[in-house]
Amino acid sequence: MTANDLDAYRERARQWFADNVPRARPTSTAGGQRAGETEHEFVARSKALQAQLHDAGYAGITLPVEWGGQGLTTRHQQIFEEESFGYERPGGFGGTFGPILGALLGHMNDEQREEHLVPILRGMLWCQLMSEPGAGSDIGGITTRAEQDGDEWVINGQKVWTTAGHLSDFGMCLARTDWDVPKYSGVTMFIVPMDTPGVAPRPLRQITGEAEFCETFLDDVRIPAKNVLGAPGGGWSVVQTWLTYEHGGVDEGDQSARGLGSNKLTTTLVDSARPDGLASIAESRGLADDPLVRDELVRHFVGEAMVGLAGRQLAIAMRDGRISGHAGSMVKVALGTQSQARTKAAVDLAGMAGIAWEPDDPDGDVLAKAMLESRSHSIAGGTNEIQRNNTGDRVLGLPREPAVDRGVPFREVRTNSAPPRDQS
């Protein structure tokens, strides 16, 4: 691949965006939903744009051609990202094109790849059905069960924190298929069409007022045996692949849409770490020359740069096999902690405007919502405490904490148990 080839690719991409995609508009959410646009309208628009990208050769840029991709290099992907800046992009696909696609690519068989990969690249929306009310950070403690009935599996249980479950076409569902082996050995991953009878996602209202997540009930959900992802009883291997991508960092969305990030295309670590959003808030309030405020901005710049550098170095090391994939837990903790510090600083710098606004101001709640939403970053994808345990146990080689359920058949593991109360 020569420089001329890359230049020609850039020119084609630049012209295609100019001819086919509208410029980005102000949005009401970090994901790109327009003000006044319903969730379903947003999803339909995003799917249409994703299909348009695929048909023009701008989806799955680095995936092999036999999997429906373009078979090009990461440099082509970077050029595409640079040329797409400032144009509308499909929203709501962070989970689908992140941890979920990574797990699917690692464990699908040829028939499943043939059936699902191109539809995904053209805008099929997926969700993950893993966490449960009694099994959050410890996903291995799930009690959703799947029992084989001929050439079908029947799934019963309840999931929670299903991102976009009510909008998704398919889900990756973890269920227990063997209760007589230790908890990580008896689980199986299934591909579940979300319109299957018995699947009932119910949106959960969050502290921000939005309903991004669902609790999902599965009542006698019948799934063909061909929908097993990986091998029966081998679901934990799929989970581990998924977690490697998930723990690579919190998907914070487009922070520039929330007014906290840079408002330009960033190509270097220094540029991406600059706290332009915080600086703009400080300038608007006449605080830019305050030495304490300047110290605060520098601290955030250094923090962002260190997280970015650590993330890049760890990603390369994990890719090359020089460090455990569990090292992503360190990045996840750092990203979540930094995002909380940054959004809190934005509200502090804004003063009363950060927590109070006119009802008719569509952007008045941006800073407050960003701060509230960032609180989930120390919980989502496994709590910071779990991530630190992962780092200690599996990266640093420290002794593991005692566990009463290790090596015990799952049906013998005591859950939610307490001594009987005196009835006298």
Protein backbone atom coordinates (compact mmCIF):
# COMPACT_ATOMS: atom_id res chain seq x y z
CA MET A 1 0.00 0.00 0.00
CA THR A 2 1.65 3.23 -1.19
CA ALA A 3 1.19 6.79 -0.02
CA ASN A 4 -0.56 7.54 -3.32
CA ASP A 5 -3.06 4.76 -2.64
CA LEU A 6 -3.81 6.19 0.80
CA ASP A 7 -4.14 9.71 -0.61
CA ALA A 8 -6.60 8.44 -3.21
CA TYR A 9 -8.58 6.63 -0.50
CA ARG A 10 -8.72 9.82 1.54
CA GLU A 11 -9.92 11.85 -1.43
CA ARG A 12 -12.66 9.32 -2.24
CA ALA A 13 -13.83 9.29 1.39
CA ARG A 14 -13.79 13.08 1.59
CA GLN A 15 -15.83 13.42 -1.58
CA TRP A 16 -18.26 10.69 -0.57
CA PHE A 17 -19.05 12.34 2.76
CA ALA A 18 -19.48 15.72 1.09
CA ASP A 19 -21.90 14.26 -1.45
CA ASN A 20 -23.90 11.86 0.75
CA VAL A 21 -23.88 12.73 4.46
CA PRO A 22 -25.26 15.86 6.16
CA ARG A 23 -23.10 17.85 8.53
CA ALA A 24 -23.53 17.02 12.21
CA ARG A 25 -26.24 18.94 14.04
CA PRO A 26 -26.59 19.82 17.72
CA THR A 27 -27.79 16.78 19.64
CA SER A 28 -29.65 16.19 22.89
CA THR A 29 -27.58 13.14 23.90
CA ALA A 30 -23.93 12.12 23.70
CA GLY A 31 -24.89 9.33 21.31
CA GLY A 32 -26.20 11.73 18.68
CA GLN A 33 -29.98 11.74 19.22
CA ARG A 34 -31.40 15.02 17.96
CA ALA A 35 -33.48 17.30 20.12
CA GLY A 36 -37.13 16.32 19.73
CA GLU A 37 -36.25 13.00 18.10
CA THR A 38 -37.70 9.83 19.65
CA GLU A 39 -35.53 6.82 20.44
CA HIS A 40 -37.06 4.80 17.64
CA GLU A 41 -36.62 7.63 15.13
CA PHE A 42 -33.00 7.96 16.20
CA VAL A 43 -32.37 4.21 15.81
CA ALA A 44 -34.05 4.14 12.38
CA ARG A 45 -31.96 7.08 11.18
CA SER A 46 -28.77 5.52 12.54
CA LYS A 47 -29.50 2.17 10.90
CA ALA A 48 -30.17 3.81 7.56
CA LEU A 49 -26.89 5.74 7.74
CA GLN A 50 -24.96 2.62 8.80
CA ALA A 51 -26.38 0.70 5.82
CA GLN A 52 -25.36 3.59 3.59
CA LEU A 53 -21.82 3.47 4.98
CA HIS A 54 -21.62 -0.29 4.43
CA ASP A 55 -22.87 -0.14 0.88
CA ALA A 56 -20.27 2.52 0.08
CA GLY A 57 -17.46 0.37 1.53
CA TYR A 58 -16.99 2.24 4.81
CA ALA A 59 -18.09 -0.40 7.33
CA GLY A 60 -15.91 -3.22 8.60
CA ILE A 61 -12.94 -1.49 7.03
CA THR A 62 -10.34 -3.75 8.70
CA LEU A 63 -12.41 -6.95 8.77
CA PRO A 64 -11.55 -9.73 6.30
CA VAL A 65 -13.43 -9.65 3.02
CA GLU A 66 -14.78 -13.15 3.63
CA TRP A 67 -16.48 -11.82 6.77
CA GLY A 68 -18.16 -8.99 4.90
CA GLY A 69 -15.49 -6.40 5.60
CA GLN A 70 -13.15 -4.44 3.34
CA GLY A 71 -9.88 -6.19 4.26
CA LEU A 72 -8.01 -2.89 4.57
CA THR A 73 -5.53 -1.58 7.13
CA THR A 74 -5.86 0.36 10.37
CA ARG A 75 -4.44 3.34 8.48
CA HIS A 76 -7.48 3.24 6.18
CA GLN A 77 -9.68 3.16 9.28
CA GLN A 78 -7.88 6.19 10.69
CA ILE A 79 -8.28 8.10 7.43
CA PHE A 80 -11.99 7.30 7.44
CA GLU A 81 -12.33 8.61 11.01
CA GLU A 82 -10.49 11.80 10.10
CA GLU A 83 -12.59 12.48 7.00
CA SER A 84 -15.88 11.67 8.75
CA PHE A 85 -15.25 14.30 11.42
CA GLY A 86 -17.99 16.94 11.41
CA TYR A 87 -20.51 14.75 9.60
CA GLU A 88 -23.40 12.81 11.05
CA ARG A 89 -22.43 9.34 12.22
CA PRO A 90 -24.65 6.43 13.26
CA GLY A 91 -25.29 6.45 17.00
CA GLY A 92 -26.12 3.72 19.49
CA PHE A 93 -23.74 1.11 18.06
CA GLY A 94 -21.04 1.40 20.73
CA GLY A 95 -21.86 -1.95 22.32
CA THR A 96 -22.53 -3.71 19.02
CA PHE A 97 -19.28 -2.66 17.35
CA GLY A 98 -17.26 -2.91 20.58
CA PRO A 99 -17.29 -5.78 23.09
CA ILE A 100 -20.14 -7.67 21.43
CA LEU A 101 -18.64 -7.79 17.94
CA GLY A 102 -15.28 -8.71 19.44
CA ALA A 103 -16.83 -11.68 21.25
CA LEU A 104 -18.83 -12.73 18.20
CA LEU A 105 -15.80 -12.66 15.92
CA GLY A 106 -13.87 -14.75 18.40
CA HIS A 107 -16.49 -17.48 18.84
CA MET A 108 -18.89 -17.60 15.89
CA ASN A 109 -18.80 -20.63 13.61
CA ASP A 110 -18.85 -20.25 9.83
CA GLU A 111 -22.63 -20.55 9.61
CA GLN A 112 -23.16 -17.86 12.23
CA ARG A 113 -20.69 -15.52 10.56
CA GLU A 114 -22.49 -15.99 7.26
CA GLU A 115 -25.84 -15.25 8.89
CA HIS A 116 -24.98 -12.32 11.14
CA LEU A 117 -21.84 -10.36 10.22
CA VAL A 118 -23.05 -8.46 7.16
CA PRO A 119 -26.38 -7.55 8.83
CA ILE A 120 -24.38 -6.23 11.80
CA LEU A 121 -22.19 -4.13 9.52
CA ARG A 122 -25.35 -2.80 7.84
CA GLY A 123 -26.89 -1.70 11.14
CA MET A 124 -28.30 -4.66 13.07
CA LEU A 125 -28.32 -3.62 16.73
CA TRP A 126 -27.17 -6.09 19.42
CA CYS A 127 -27.22 -6.09 23.21
CA GLN A 128 -25.72 -8.27 25.93
CA LEU A 129 -27.87 -10.23 28.38
CA MET A 130 -25.42 -11.12 31.13
CA SER A 131 -25.80 -9.25 34.43
CA GLU A 132 -28.62 -10.30 36.76
CA PRO A 133 -30.13 -8.86 39.94
CA GLY A 134 -28.09 -11.41 41.92
CA ALA A 135 -25.03 -11.49 39.66
CA GLY A 136 -23.66 -8.13 38.67
CA SER A 137 -19.89 -7.85 38.79
CA ASP A 138 -19.71 -11.59 39.48
CA ILE A 139 -21.24 -12.70 36.20
CA GLY A 140 -20.35 -16.30 37.00
CA GLY A 141 -23.08 -16.30 39.65
CA ILE A 142 -25.95 -16.16 37.14
CA THR A 143 -29.06 -18.28 37.75
CA THR A 144 -30.86 -17.83 34.42
CA ARG A 145 -31.22 -21.42 33.22
CA ALA A 146 -31.31 -23.05 29.81
CA GLU A 147 -32.53 -26.62 29.34
CA GLN A 148 -32.26 -28.60 26.12
CA ASP A 149 -35.48 -29.85 24.57
CA GLY A 150 -34.74 -31.76 21.39
CA ASP A 151 -33.08 -29.42 18.91
CA GLU A 152 -34.01 -26.36 20.99
CA TRP A 153 -32.93 -24.74 24.23
CA VAL A 154 -35.52 -23.24 26.60
CA ILE A 155 -34.31 -20.22 28.57
CA ASN A 156 -35.88 -18.83 31.76
CA GLY A 157 -34.59 -16.03 33.97
CA GLN A 158 -34.09 -12.32 34.41
CA LYS A 159 -31.32 -10.00 33.21
CA VAL A 160 -30.61 -6.40 34.16
CA TRP A 161 -28.59 -3.41 32.88
CA THR A 162 -29.24 -4.46 29.29
CA THR A 163 -28.10 -1.45 27.28
CA ALA A 164 -30.65 -0.66 24.54
CA GLY A 165 -32.39 -3.99 25.11
CA HIS A 166 -35.73 -2.52 24.05
CA LEU A 167 -34.22 -1.29 20.78
CA SER A 168 -31.98 -4.24 19.86
CA ASP A 169 -32.51 -6.91 17.23
CA PHE A 170 -30.35 -9.61 18.84
CA GLY A 171 -28.79 -10.32 22.21
CA MET A 172 -25.92 -12.40 23.55
CA CYS A 173 -27.49 -14.27 26.46
CA LEU A 174 -25.55 -16.17 29.14
CA ALA A 175 -27.46 -18.98 30.84
CA ARG A 176 -26.62 -21.84 33.17
CA THR A 177 -26.81 -25.24 31.50
CA ASP A 178 -25.06 -27.42 34.10
CA TRP A 179 -25.63 -27.01 37.85
CA ASP A 180 -23.34 -29.86 38.94
CA VAL A 181 -20.03 -28.20 38.05
CA PRO A 182 -18.35 -25.05 39.45
CA LYS A 183 -20.03 -21.83 38.45
CA TYR A 184 -17.70 -20.81 35.62
CA SER A 185 -17.86 -24.24 33.97
CA GLY A 186 -21.59 -24.69 33.59
CA VAL A 187 -22.66 -21.67 31.54
CA THR A 188 -23.45 -21.36 27.83
CA MET A 189 -23.77 -18.31 25.59
CA PHE A 190 -26.75 -18.08 23.24
CA ILE A 191 -27.67 -15.84 20.33
CA VAL A 192 -31.21 -14.65 21.08
CA PRO A 193 -33.40 -12.73 18.61
CA MET A 194 -35.00 -10.07 20.79
CA ASP A 195 -38.39 -10.54 19.09
CA THR A 196 -38.54 -14.19 20.23
CA PRO A 197 -41.75 -14.91 22.19
CA GLY A 198 -41.05 -14.71 25.90
CA VAL A 199 -38.35 -12.00 25.69
CA ALA A 200 -39.60 -8.90 27.53
CA PRO A 201 -37.20 -5.93 27.94
CA ARG A 202 -38.45 -3.16 30.23
CA PRO A 203 -36.57 0.18 30.27
CA LEU A 204 -35.13 1.40 33.58
CA ARG A 205 -35.17 5.11 34.34
CA GLN A 206 -31.74 6.45 35.29
CA ILE A 207 -30.62 9.33 37.47
CA THR A 208 -30.22 11.46 34.32
CA GLY A 209 -33.89 10.96 33.45
CA GLU A 210 -33.01 8.79 30.45
CA ALA A 211 -33.75 5.07 30.06
CA GLU A 212 -30.70 3.62 28.35
CA PHE A 213 -30.85 0.29 30.18
CA CYS A 214 -33.48 -2.41 30.59
CA GLU A 215 -34.33 -5.27 32.86
CA THR A 216 -35.12 -8.17 30.56
CA PHE A 217 -37.34 -11.12 31.45
CA LEU A 218 -37.00 -14.46 29.64
CA ASP A 219 -40.01 -16.72 30.00
CA ASP A 220 -39.83 -20.10 28.22
CA VAL A 221 -37.75 -18.54 25.41
CA ARG A 222 -37.10 -21.22 22.78
CA ILE A 223 -33.81 -20.94 20.89
CA PRO A 224 -32.60 -23.35 18.16
CA ALA A 225 -29.50 -25.36 19.07
CA LYS A 226 -27.58 -23.69 16.23
CA ASN A 227 -27.76 -20.44 18.21
CA VAL A 228 -25.24 -21.63 20.79
CA LEU A 229 -22.25 -19.29 20.59
CA GLY A 230 -19.12 -21.35 21.10
CA ALA A 231 -19.74 -24.71 22.76
CA PRO A 232 -22.38 -25.82 25.30
CA GLY A 233 -20.80 -25.29 28.71
CA GLY A 234 -18.13 -23.06 27.17
CA GLY A 235 -19.85 -19.75 27.75
CA TRP A 236 -17.21 -18.47 30.14
CA SER A 237 -14.68 -18.39 27.31
CA VAL A 238 -17.02 -16.09 25.40
CA VAL A 239 -17.47 -13.94 28.51
CA GLN A 240 -13.70 -13.61 28.89
CA THR A 241 -13.36 -12.39 25.30
CA TRP A 242 -16.20 -9.94 25.83
CA LEU A 243 -14.66 -8.66 29.08
CA THR A 244 -11.30 -8.08 27.39
CA TYR A 245 -13.00 -5.54 25.13
CA GLU A 246 -15.38 -4.23 27.79
CA HIS A 247 -12.60 -3.57 30.29
CA GLY A 248 -10.60 -1.72 27.70
CA GLY A 249 -12.43 1.37 28.90
CA VAL A 250 -15.74 3.06 29.56
CA ASP A 251 -17.53 4.11 26.39
CA GLU A 252 -18.02 7.76 27.25
CA GLY A 253 -19.71 8.70 23.99
CA ASP A 254 -18.98 11.93 22.19
CA GLN A 255 -17.83 14.21 25.00
CA SER A 256 -17.68 17.18 22.64
CA ALA A 257 -21.45 16.85 22.32
CA ARG A 258 -21.63 17.22 26.10
CA GLY A 259 -19.47 20.31 25.97
CA LEU A 260 -16.56 18.73 27.85
CA GLY A 261 -14.15 17.59 25.16
CA SER A 262 -12.25 19.12 22.31
CA ASN A 263 -14.31 20.66 19.52
CA LYS A 264 -11.82 19.68 16.82
CA LEU A 265 -10.47 16.50 15.32
CA THR A 266 -7.66 15.24 17.54
CA THR A 267 -4.85 13.15 16.15
CA THR A 268 -2.21 13.29 18.89
CA LEU A 269 -2.15 12.32 22.53
CA VAL A 270 -1.50 15.91 23.56
CA ASP A 271 -4.40 17.27 21.51
CA SER A 272 -6.84 14.68 22.80
CA ALA A 273 -5.82 15.39 26.42
CA ARG A 274 -6.33 19.16 26.23
CA PRO A 275 -9.26 20.13 28.48
CA ASP A 276 -10.70 22.59 25.96
CA GLY A 277 -14.23 22.23 27.29
CA LEU A 278 -13.17 23.05 30.85
CA ALA A 279 -11.06 25.95 29.62
CA SER A 280 -14.02 27.37 27.71
CA ILE A 281 -16.19 27.25 30.81
CA ALA A 282 -13.48 28.99 32.84
CA GLU A 283 -13.09 31.71 30.20
CA SER A 284 -16.84 32.30 30.02
CA ARG A 285 -16.88 33.00 33.75
CA GLY A 286 -13.74 35.15 33.77
CA LEU A 287 -11.77 32.53 35.71
CA ALA A 288 -9.13 31.68 33.13
CA ASP A 289 -6.42 33.73 34.91
CA ASP A 290 -7.19 32.42 38.38
CA PRO A 291 -4.06 30.46 39.42
CA LEU A 292 -6.11 27.84 41.27
CA VAL A 293 -8.28 27.28 38.20
CA ARG A 294 -5.23 27.07 35.96
CA ASP A 295 -3.73 24.47 38.31
CA GLU A 296 -6.98 22.50 38.06
CA LEU A 297 -6.91 22.57 34.26
CA VAL A 298 -3.30 21.40 34.21
CA ARG A 299 -4.15 18.52 36.55
CA HIS A 300 -6.90 17.40 34.19
CA PHE A 301 -4.61 17.72 31.19
CA VAL A 302 -1.97 15.55 32.86
CA GLY A 303 -4.59 13.06 34.03
CA GLU A 304 -6.11 12.71 30.56
CA ALA A 305 -2.70 12.38 28.93
CA MET A 306 -1.56 9.69 31.38
CA VAL A 307 -4.77 7.69 30.90
CA GLY A 308 -4.45 7.98 27.13
CA LEU A 309 -0.80 6.94 27.15
CA ALA A 310 -1.42 4.01 29.50
CA GLY A 311 -4.38 2.88 27.42
CA ARG A 312 -2.39 2.91 24.19
CA GLN A 313 0.61 1.11 25.67
CA LEU A 314 -1.52 -1.55 27.37
CA ALA A 315 -3.57 -2.10 24.22
CA ILE A 316 -0.40 -2.74 22.21
CA ALA A 317 0.98 -5.04 24.92
CA MET A 318 -2.26 -7.02 25.14
CA ARG A 319 -2.46 -7.31 21.35
CA ASP A 320 1.12 -8.59 21.20
CA GLY A 321 0.59 -11.05 24.05
CA ARG A 322 3.15 -9.39 26.31
CA ILE A 323 0.63 -8.79 29.08
CA SER A 324 -2.62 -10.40 30.18
CA GLY A 325 -5.84 -9.21 28.57
CA HIS A 326 -7.01 -8.49 32.11
CA ALA A 327 -4.74 -5.43 32.05
CA GLY A 328 -7.70 -3.65 30.48
CA SER A 329 -9.09 -3.50 34.01
CA MET A 330 -6.46 -0.88 34.85
CA VAL A 331 -7.52 1.27 31.92
CA LYS A 332 -11.17 0.90 32.84
CA VAL A 333 -10.56 2.13 36.40
CA ALA A 334 -8.43 5.04 35.19
CA LEU A 335 -10.94 6.13 32.54
CA GLY A 336 -13.89 5.94 34.90
CA THR A 337 -12.09 7.86 37.65
CA GLN A 338 -10.86 10.53 35.25
CA SER A 339 -14.28 11.01 33.64
CA GLN A 340 -15.87 11.55 37.05
CA ALA A 341 -13.22 14.10 38.00
CA ARG A 342 -13.59 15.94 34.70
CA THR A 343 -17.38 16.19 34.76
CA LYS A 344 -17.37 17.31 38.40
CA ALA A 345 -14.83 20.00 37.56
CA ALA A 346 -17.06 21.22 34.73
CA VAL A 347 -20.03 21.65 37.06
CA ASP A 348 -17.85 23.33 39.71
CA LEU A 349 -16.42 25.77 37.18
CA ALA A 350 -19.85 26.62 35.80
CA GLY A 351 -21.14 27.63 39.23
CA MET A 352 -24.90 27.86 39.55
CA ALA A 353 -25.27 27.41 35.78
CA GLY A 354 -23.97 23.88 36.22
CA ILE A 355 -26.90 22.83 38.41
CA ALA A 356 -29.71 25.22 37.43
CA TRP A 357 -31.00 26.33 34.03
CA GLU A 358 -33.98 27.80 32.26
CA PRO A 359 -36.62 25.16 31.37
CA ASP A 360 -36.63 26.24 27.71
CA ASP A 361 -32.83 25.92 27.33
CA PRO A 362 -32.26 22.62 25.45
CA ASP A 363 -28.57 22.53 26.44
CA GLY A 364 -28.93 23.81 29.98
CA ASP A 365 -28.69 20.40 31.60
CA VAL A 366 -25.68 19.16 29.61
CA LEU A 367 -23.08 19.56 32.36
CA ALA A 368 -25.27 18.23 35.15
CA LYS A 369 -26.29 15.19 33.11
CA ALA A 370 -22.69 14.47 32.18
CA MET A 371 -21.67 14.56 35.84
CA LEU A 372 -24.56 12.31 36.92
CA GLU A 373 -23.98 9.89 34.06
CA SER A 374 -20.27 9.62 34.89
CA ARG A 375 -21.11 8.11 38.28
CA SER A 376 -21.93 4.88 36.48
CA HIS A 377 -18.41 4.64 35.07
CA SER A 378 -17.12 3.13 38.32
CA ILE A 379 -19.85 0.45 38.16
CA ALA A 380 -20.53 -0.33 34.50
CA GLY A 381 -18.64 -3.30 33.11
CA GLY A 382 -17.63 -4.42 36.60
CA THR A 383 -17.07 -2.20 39.63
CA ASN A 384 -13.73 -0.53 40.27
CA GLU A 385 -13.26 -2.91 43.20
CA ILE A 386 -13.63 -5.92 40.89
CA GLN A 387 -11.27 -4.34 38.35
CA ARG A 388 -8.63 -3.83 41.03
CA ASN A 389 -9.02 -7.45 42.10
CA ASN A 390 -8.56 -8.53 38.47
CA THR A 391 -5.40 -6.46 38.21
CA GLY A 392 -3.97 -7.83 41.44
CA ASP A 393 -4.86 -11.47 40.80
CA ARG A 394 -4.31 -11.83 37.09
CA VAL A 395 -1.82 -9.14 36.11
CA LEU A 396 0.37 -8.66 39.18
CA GLY A 397 0.10 -12.25 40.39
CA LEU A 398 -0.92 -11.37 43.94
CA PRO A 399 -2.64 -14.01 46.11
CA ARG A 400 -6.34 -14.29 45.37
CA GLU A 401 -8.90 -13.40 47.99
CA PRO A 402 -10.66 -16.33 49.70
CA ALA A 403 -13.81 -17.57 47.90
CA VAL A 404 -16.27 -20.02 49.43
CA ASP A 405 -17.69 -21.01 46.02
CA ARG A 406 -14.43 -21.90 44.27
CA GLY A 407 -14.50 -25.47 42.96
CA VAL A 408 -17.96 -26.15 44.41
CA PRO A 409 -20.82 -27.46 42.22
CA PHE A 410 -23.05 -24.46 41.62
CA ARG A 411 -26.17 -26.09 43.02
CA GLU A 412 -24.36 -26.35 46.37
CA VAL A 413 -23.34 -22.69 46.48
CA ARG A 414 -25.32 -20.86 49.15
CA THR A 415 -26.91 -17.65 47.94
CA ASN A 416 -28.96 -15.06 49.81
CA SER A 417 -28.87 -17.30 52.86
CA ALA A 418 -29.25 -16.15 56.45
CA PRO A 419 -29.78 -17.88 59.80
CA PRO A 420 -33.46 -18.50 60.53
CA ARG A 421 -35.05 -15.91 62.75
CA ASP A 422 -36.33 -16.87 66.19
CA GLN A 423 -40.06 -17.40 65.71
CA SER A 424 -40.89 -17.40 69.46
